N, C-alpha and C. Protein backbone atom coordinates (compact mmCIF):
# COMPACT_ATOMS: atom_id res chain seq x y z
N UNK A 1 10.27 11.86 -10.64
CA UNK A 1 9.82 10.72 -9.83
C UNK A 1 8.31 10.79 -9.64
N UNK A 2 7.66 9.67 -9.88
CA UNK A 2 6.21 9.61 -9.65
C UNK A 2 5.84 8.32 -8.96
N UNK A 3 4.96 8.45 -7.98
CA UNK A 3 4.35 7.31 -7.31
C UNK A 3 2.86 7.58 -7.27
N UNK A 4 2.09 6.74 -7.93
CA UNK A 4 0.66 7.02 -8.10
C UNK A 4 -0.17 5.82 -7.67
N UNK A 5 -1.00 6.03 -6.66
CA UNK A 5 -1.89 4.97 -6.18
C UNK A 5 -3.23 5.01 -6.91
N UNK A 6 -3.86 3.87 -6.99
CA UNK A 6 -5.20 3.77 -7.54
C UNK A 6 -5.89 2.55 -6.94
N UNK A 7 -7.21 2.50 -7.14
CA UNK A 7 -7.96 1.32 -6.71
C UNK A 7 -8.78 1.48 -5.46
N UNK A 8 -8.70 2.63 -4.82
CA UNK A 8 -9.51 2.85 -3.63
C UNK A 8 -10.98 3.00 -3.98
N UNK A 9 -11.79 3.05 -2.93
CA UNK A 9 -13.22 3.23 -3.15
C UNK A 9 -14.02 2.86 -1.92
N UNK A 10 -15.32 2.73 -2.14
CA UNK A 10 -16.25 2.38 -1.07
C UNK A 10 -16.58 0.89 -1.19
N UNK A 11 -16.48 0.18 -0.09
CA UNK A 11 -16.75 -1.26 -0.10
C UNK A 11 -17.45 -1.62 1.20
N UNK A 12 -18.30 -2.63 1.13
CA UNK A 12 -19.00 -3.09 2.33
C UNK A 12 -18.09 -3.94 3.20
N UNK A 13 -18.37 -3.99 4.49
CA UNK A 13 -17.59 -4.88 5.37
C UNK A 13 -17.60 -6.31 4.83
N UNK A 14 -16.43 -6.94 4.89
CA UNK A 14 -16.27 -8.28 4.34
C UNK A 14 -15.86 -8.30 2.88
N UNK A 15 -15.89 -7.16 2.25
CA UNK A 15 -15.54 -7.07 0.83
C UNK A 15 -14.04 -6.99 0.60
N UNK A 16 -13.69 -6.85 -0.67
CA UNK A 16 -12.28 -6.82 -1.08
C UNK A 16 -12.00 -5.64 -1.99
N UNK A 17 -10.78 -5.20 -1.95
CA UNK A 17 -10.27 -4.19 -2.88
C UNK A 17 -8.82 -4.52 -3.20
N UNK A 18 -8.40 -4.12 -4.37
CA UNK A 18 -6.99 -4.27 -4.74
C UNK A 18 -6.44 -2.89 -5.08
N UNK A 19 -5.49 -2.44 -4.29
CA UNK A 19 -4.83 -1.18 -4.56
C UNK A 19 -3.62 -1.42 -5.46
N UNK A 20 -3.37 -0.47 -6.33
CA UNK A 20 -2.21 -0.52 -7.21
C UNK A 20 -1.37 0.73 -7.01
N UNK A 21 -0.09 0.58 -7.24
CA UNK A 21 0.83 1.72 -7.14
C UNK A 21 1.78 1.64 -8.32
N UNK A 22 1.75 2.67 -9.15
CA UNK A 22 2.63 2.75 -10.31
C UNK A 22 3.77 3.71 -10.02
N UNK A 23 4.99 3.24 -10.26
CA UNK A 23 6.17 4.04 -9.96
C UNK A 23 6.97 4.32 -11.22
N UNK A 24 7.59 5.49 -11.26
CA UNK A 24 8.44 5.83 -12.39
C UNK A 24 9.46 6.88 -11.97
N UNK A 25 10.52 6.98 -12.74
CA UNK A 25 11.52 8.01 -12.49
C UNK A 25 12.65 7.60 -11.57
N UNK A 26 12.66 6.35 -11.16
CA UNK A 26 13.75 5.84 -10.33
C UNK A 26 13.88 4.34 -10.57
N UNK A 27 14.95 3.76 -10.06
CA UNK A 27 15.21 2.33 -10.28
C UNK A 27 14.35 1.52 -9.32
N UNK A 28 13.17 1.19 -9.79
CA UNK A 28 12.15 0.57 -8.94
C UNK A 28 12.68 -0.67 -8.23
N UNK A 29 13.41 -1.49 -8.94
CA UNK A 29 13.85 -2.77 -8.38
C UNK A 29 14.87 -2.61 -7.26
N UNK A 30 15.34 -1.39 -7.02
CA UNK A 30 16.30 -1.15 -5.94
C UNK A 30 15.64 -0.64 -4.67
N UNK A 31 14.33 -0.49 -4.72
CA UNK A 31 13.60 0.10 -3.61
C UNK A 31 12.68 -0.89 -2.94
N UNK A 32 12.69 -0.88 -1.61
CA UNK A 32 11.61 -1.54 -0.88
C UNK A 32 10.33 -0.73 -1.09
N UNK A 33 9.22 -1.41 -1.11
CA UNK A 33 7.94 -0.73 -1.30
C UNK A 33 7.05 -0.99 -0.10
N UNK A 34 6.34 0.04 0.31
CA UNK A 34 5.52 -0.06 1.50
C UNK A 34 4.16 0.58 1.26
N UNK A 35 3.16 0.06 1.94
CA UNK A 35 1.85 0.69 1.99
C UNK A 35 1.63 1.19 3.42
N UNK A 36 1.25 2.44 3.52
CA UNK A 36 0.87 3.05 4.79
C UNK A 36 -0.60 3.44 4.70
N UNK A 37 -1.19 3.73 5.83
CA UNK A 37 -2.53 4.29 5.84
C UNK A 37 -2.66 5.30 6.97
N UNK A 38 -3.58 6.22 6.77
CA UNK A 38 -3.85 7.23 7.79
C UNK A 38 -5.35 7.46 7.88
N UNK A 39 -5.88 7.15 9.04
CA UNK A 39 -7.30 7.40 9.30
C UNK A 39 -7.46 8.78 9.91
N UNK A 40 -8.65 9.37 9.80
CA UNK A 40 -8.88 10.70 10.36
C UNK A 40 -8.53 10.74 11.84
N UNK A 41 -7.73 11.73 12.22
CA UNK A 41 -7.37 11.91 13.62
C UNK A 41 -6.32 10.96 14.15
N UNK A 42 -5.77 10.14 13.26
CA UNK A 42 -4.77 9.16 13.69
C UNK A 42 -3.46 9.38 12.95
N UNK A 43 -2.39 8.82 13.49
CA UNK A 43 -1.09 8.91 12.83
C UNK A 43 -1.02 7.93 11.67
N UNK A 44 -0.15 8.25 10.72
CA UNK A 44 0.08 7.34 9.61
C UNK A 44 0.74 6.07 10.15
N UNK A 45 0.26 4.93 9.68
CA UNK A 45 0.81 3.66 10.15
C UNK A 45 1.22 2.78 8.98
N UNK A 46 2.27 2.00 9.20
CA UNK A 46 2.75 1.07 8.20
C UNK A 46 1.82 -0.14 8.15
N UNK A 47 1.34 -0.46 6.98
CA UNK A 47 0.42 -1.58 6.79
C UNK A 47 1.15 -2.82 6.29
N UNK A 48 1.98 -2.64 5.27
CA UNK A 48 2.68 -3.78 4.67
C UNK A 48 3.91 -3.29 3.94
N UNK A 49 4.91 -4.17 3.86
CA UNK A 49 6.12 -3.83 3.14
C UNK A 49 6.65 -5.04 2.40
N UNK A 50 7.38 -4.77 1.32
CA UNK A 50 7.96 -5.84 0.52
C UNK A 50 9.36 -5.42 0.10
N UNK A 51 10.30 -6.34 0.20
CA UNK A 51 11.68 -6.04 -0.14
C UNK A 51 11.83 -5.80 -1.64
N UNK A 52 12.97 -5.24 -2.02
CA UNK A 52 13.19 -4.83 -3.40
C UNK A 52 13.04 -5.99 -4.39
N UNK A 53 13.51 -7.17 -4.00
CA UNK A 53 13.40 -8.34 -4.89
C UNK A 53 12.10 -9.10 -4.68
N UNK A 54 11.34 -8.70 -3.70
CA UNK A 54 10.03 -9.30 -3.48
C UNK A 54 10.02 -10.52 -2.59
N UNK A 55 11.19 -10.94 -2.09
CA UNK A 55 11.23 -12.17 -1.32
C UNK A 55 10.78 -12.03 0.11
N UNK A 56 10.90 -10.85 0.69
CA UNK A 56 10.57 -10.66 2.10
C UNK A 56 9.39 -9.71 2.22
N UNK A 57 8.42 -10.12 3.01
CA UNK A 57 7.22 -9.30 3.20
C UNK A 57 6.93 -9.18 4.69
N UNK A 58 6.29 -8.09 5.06
CA UNK A 58 5.92 -7.89 6.46
C UNK A 58 4.59 -7.17 6.51
N UNK A 59 3.84 -7.45 7.57
CA UNK A 59 2.50 -6.88 7.71
C UNK A 59 2.27 -6.40 9.13
N UNK A 60 1.44 -5.39 9.25
CA UNK A 60 0.96 -4.99 10.56
C UNK A 60 0.07 -6.10 11.11
N UNK A 61 0.08 -6.26 12.42
CA UNK A 61 -0.72 -7.32 13.04
C UNK A 61 -2.20 -7.19 12.68
N UNK A 62 -2.65 -5.96 12.53
CA UNK A 62 -4.07 -5.71 12.28
C UNK A 62 -4.54 -6.19 10.92
N UNK A 63 -3.62 -6.46 10.00
CA UNK A 63 -4.02 -6.87 8.65
C UNK A 63 -3.49 -8.24 8.26
N UNK A 64 -2.71 -8.86 9.12
CA UNK A 64 -2.17 -10.19 8.81
C UNK A 64 -3.27 -11.18 8.51
N UNK A 65 -3.10 -11.94 7.45
CA UNK A 65 -4.09 -12.92 7.06
C UNK A 65 -5.19 -12.36 6.19
N UNK A 66 -5.27 -11.04 6.08
CA UNK A 66 -6.32 -10.40 5.26
C UNK A 66 -5.74 -9.65 4.07
N UNK A 67 -4.57 -9.04 4.25
CA UNK A 67 -3.95 -8.24 3.20
C UNK A 67 -2.73 -8.98 2.65
N UNK A 68 -2.48 -8.79 1.36
CA UNK A 68 -1.30 -9.36 0.71
C UNK A 68 -0.64 -8.31 -0.16
N UNK A 69 0.65 -8.09 0.07
CA UNK A 69 1.41 -7.16 -0.75
C UNK A 69 2.18 -7.96 -1.80
N UNK A 70 2.28 -7.40 -2.99
CA UNK A 70 3.05 -8.04 -4.05
C UNK A 70 3.62 -6.95 -4.96
N UNK A 71 4.58 -7.34 -5.78
CA UNK A 71 5.18 -6.37 -6.70
C UNK A 71 5.54 -7.06 -8.00
N UNK A 72 5.60 -6.24 -9.05
CA UNK A 72 6.01 -6.69 -10.37
C UNK A 72 7.11 -5.75 -10.83
N UNK A 73 8.34 -6.16 -10.67
CA UNK A 73 9.45 -5.27 -11.01
C UNK A 73 9.56 -5.01 -12.51
N UNK A 74 9.02 -5.89 -13.32
CA UNK A 74 9.04 -5.67 -14.76
C UNK A 74 8.09 -4.54 -15.17
N UNK A 75 7.05 -4.33 -14.35
CA UNK A 75 6.06 -3.30 -14.66
C UNK A 75 6.17 -2.09 -13.74
N UNK A 76 7.10 -2.11 -12.81
CA UNK A 76 7.24 -1.02 -11.82
C UNK A 76 5.94 -0.80 -11.05
N UNK A 77 5.36 -1.91 -10.61
CA UNK A 77 4.07 -1.85 -9.92
C UNK A 77 4.15 -2.58 -8.57
N UNK A 78 3.39 -2.08 -7.62
CA UNK A 78 3.19 -2.78 -6.36
C UNK A 78 1.70 -2.79 -6.07
N UNK A 79 1.26 -3.86 -5.42
CA UNK A 79 -0.16 -4.06 -5.20
C UNK A 79 -0.42 -4.36 -3.73
N UNK A 80 -1.65 -4.06 -3.31
CA UNK A 80 -2.11 -4.47 -1.99
C UNK A 80 -3.49 -5.07 -2.16
N UNK A 81 -3.56 -6.38 -2.03
CA UNK A 81 -4.85 -7.07 -2.06
C UNK A 81 -5.42 -7.07 -0.66
N UNK A 82 -6.61 -6.52 -0.53
CA UNK A 82 -7.24 -6.38 0.78
C UNK A 82 -8.53 -7.18 0.80
N UNK A 83 -8.59 -8.19 1.64
CA UNK A 83 -9.77 -9.03 1.76
C UNK A 83 -10.38 -8.88 3.15
N UNK A 84 -11.62 -9.31 3.27
CA UNK A 84 -12.33 -9.27 4.55
C UNK A 84 -12.18 -7.88 5.20
N UNK A 85 -12.47 -6.87 4.44
CA UNK A 85 -12.28 -5.51 4.93
C UNK A 85 -13.23 -5.19 6.08
N UNK A 86 -12.72 -4.40 7.00
CA UNK A 86 -13.46 -4.00 8.19
C UNK A 86 -13.59 -2.48 8.23
N UNK A 87 -14.59 -1.96 8.94
CA UNK A 87 -14.72 -0.50 9.02
C UNK A 87 -13.44 0.17 9.53
N UNK A 88 -12.71 -0.49 10.38
CA UNK A 88 -11.48 0.12 10.91
C UNK A 88 -10.35 0.17 9.88
N UNK A 89 -10.56 -0.42 8.73
CA UNK A 89 -9.58 -0.30 7.63
C UNK A 89 -9.79 1.00 6.84
N UNK A 90 -10.84 1.73 7.15
CA UNK A 90 -11.10 2.98 6.46
C UNK A 90 -9.97 3.97 6.71
N UNK A 91 -9.39 4.47 5.63
CA UNK A 91 -8.24 5.37 5.73
C UNK A 91 -7.83 5.81 4.33
N UNK A 92 -6.94 6.77 4.29
CA UNK A 92 -6.23 7.06 3.04
C UNK A 92 -5.00 6.17 3.01
N UNK A 93 -4.83 5.45 1.92
CA UNK A 93 -3.71 4.53 1.77
C UNK A 93 -2.65 5.16 0.87
N UNK A 94 -1.41 5.10 1.36
CA UNK A 94 -0.30 5.71 0.66
C UNK A 94 0.74 4.66 0.27
N UNK A 95 1.28 4.83 -0.90
CA UNK A 95 2.37 3.99 -1.38
C UNK A 95 3.68 4.73 -1.15
N UNK A 96 4.69 4.02 -0.68
CA UNK A 96 6.00 4.61 -0.41
C UNK A 96 7.10 3.75 -1.02
N UNK A 97 7.98 4.39 -1.74
CA UNK A 97 9.18 3.74 -2.26
C UNK A 97 10.35 4.18 -1.41
N UNK A 98 11.07 3.22 -0.84
CA UNK A 98 12.11 3.58 0.13
C UNK A 98 13.41 2.86 -0.14
N UNK A 99 14.48 3.67 -0.24
CA UNK A 99 15.81 3.07 -0.34
C UNK A 99 16.66 3.47 0.86
N UNK A 100 16.57 4.76 1.23
CA UNK A 100 17.27 5.27 2.41
C UNK A 100 16.58 6.56 2.81
N UNK A 101 17.14 7.26 3.78
CA UNK A 101 16.48 8.46 4.31
C UNK A 101 16.37 9.58 3.28
N UNK A 102 17.22 9.54 2.29
CA UNK A 102 17.18 10.58 1.25
C UNK A 102 16.27 10.15 0.09
N UNK A 103 16.35 8.93 -0.26
CA UNK A 103 15.59 8.40 -1.41
C UNK A 103 14.36 7.67 -0.90
N UNK A 104 13.32 8.45 -0.65
CA UNK A 104 12.05 7.91 -0.17
C UNK A 104 10.95 8.75 -0.79
N UNK A 105 10.07 8.11 -1.56
CA UNK A 105 9.08 8.83 -2.36
C UNK A 105 7.67 8.37 -1.99
N UNK A 106 6.75 9.34 -1.98
CA UNK A 106 5.38 9.07 -1.58
C UNK A 106 4.40 9.40 -2.70
N UNK A 107 3.31 8.65 -2.72
CA UNK A 107 2.21 8.98 -3.60
C UNK A 107 1.25 9.93 -2.89
N UNK A 108 0.19 10.28 -3.61
CA UNK A 108 -0.78 11.25 -3.09
C UNK A 108 -1.86 10.60 -2.24
N UNK A 109 -1.94 9.29 -2.29
CA UNK A 109 -2.91 8.56 -1.48
C UNK A 109 -4.18 8.23 -2.23
N UNK A 110 -4.83 7.17 -1.77
CA UNK A 110 -6.13 6.78 -2.32
C UNK A 110 -7.05 6.42 -1.15
N UNK A 111 -8.28 6.90 -1.21
CA UNK A 111 -9.21 6.73 -0.10
C UNK A 111 -9.86 5.34 -0.16
N UNK A 112 -9.85 4.66 0.96
CA UNK A 112 -10.58 3.40 1.13
C UNK A 112 -11.60 3.61 2.24
N UNK A 113 -12.86 3.37 1.92
CA UNK A 113 -13.93 3.52 2.90
C UNK A 113 -14.68 2.20 2.99
N UNK A 114 -14.74 1.66 4.20
CA UNK A 114 -15.45 0.41 4.44
C UNK A 114 -16.68 0.71 5.28
N UNK A 115 -17.83 0.57 4.66
CA UNK A 115 -19.07 0.96 5.32
C UNK A 115 -20.24 0.23 4.70
N UNK A 116 -21.21 -0.06 5.55
CA UNK A 116 -22.44 -0.68 5.05
C UNK A 116 -23.38 0.38 4.50
């Protein structure tokens, strides 16, 4: 099983980034996919989630209207489009594939830094 994030980096406030998550080794289309983030000194928080078929999406209040989660089940990929980034969005972003308490897989994270 592999879950690999990419696309992080340094961006100025108001800028955009698109994170990608490539999954393999499990039946991707059977898993809900989620993006979490963890800032220094803070707990990991759920940012966005998308159902296995992609029809249902949910977002943290702090990112609603700015972030968009999407998935491509044909490519085993999930994305997080982040617009109008703010310094408080600075964190390590993690991709999670979740089916149940036993079948839940994490990536290694990708750093997003929003700074002038």
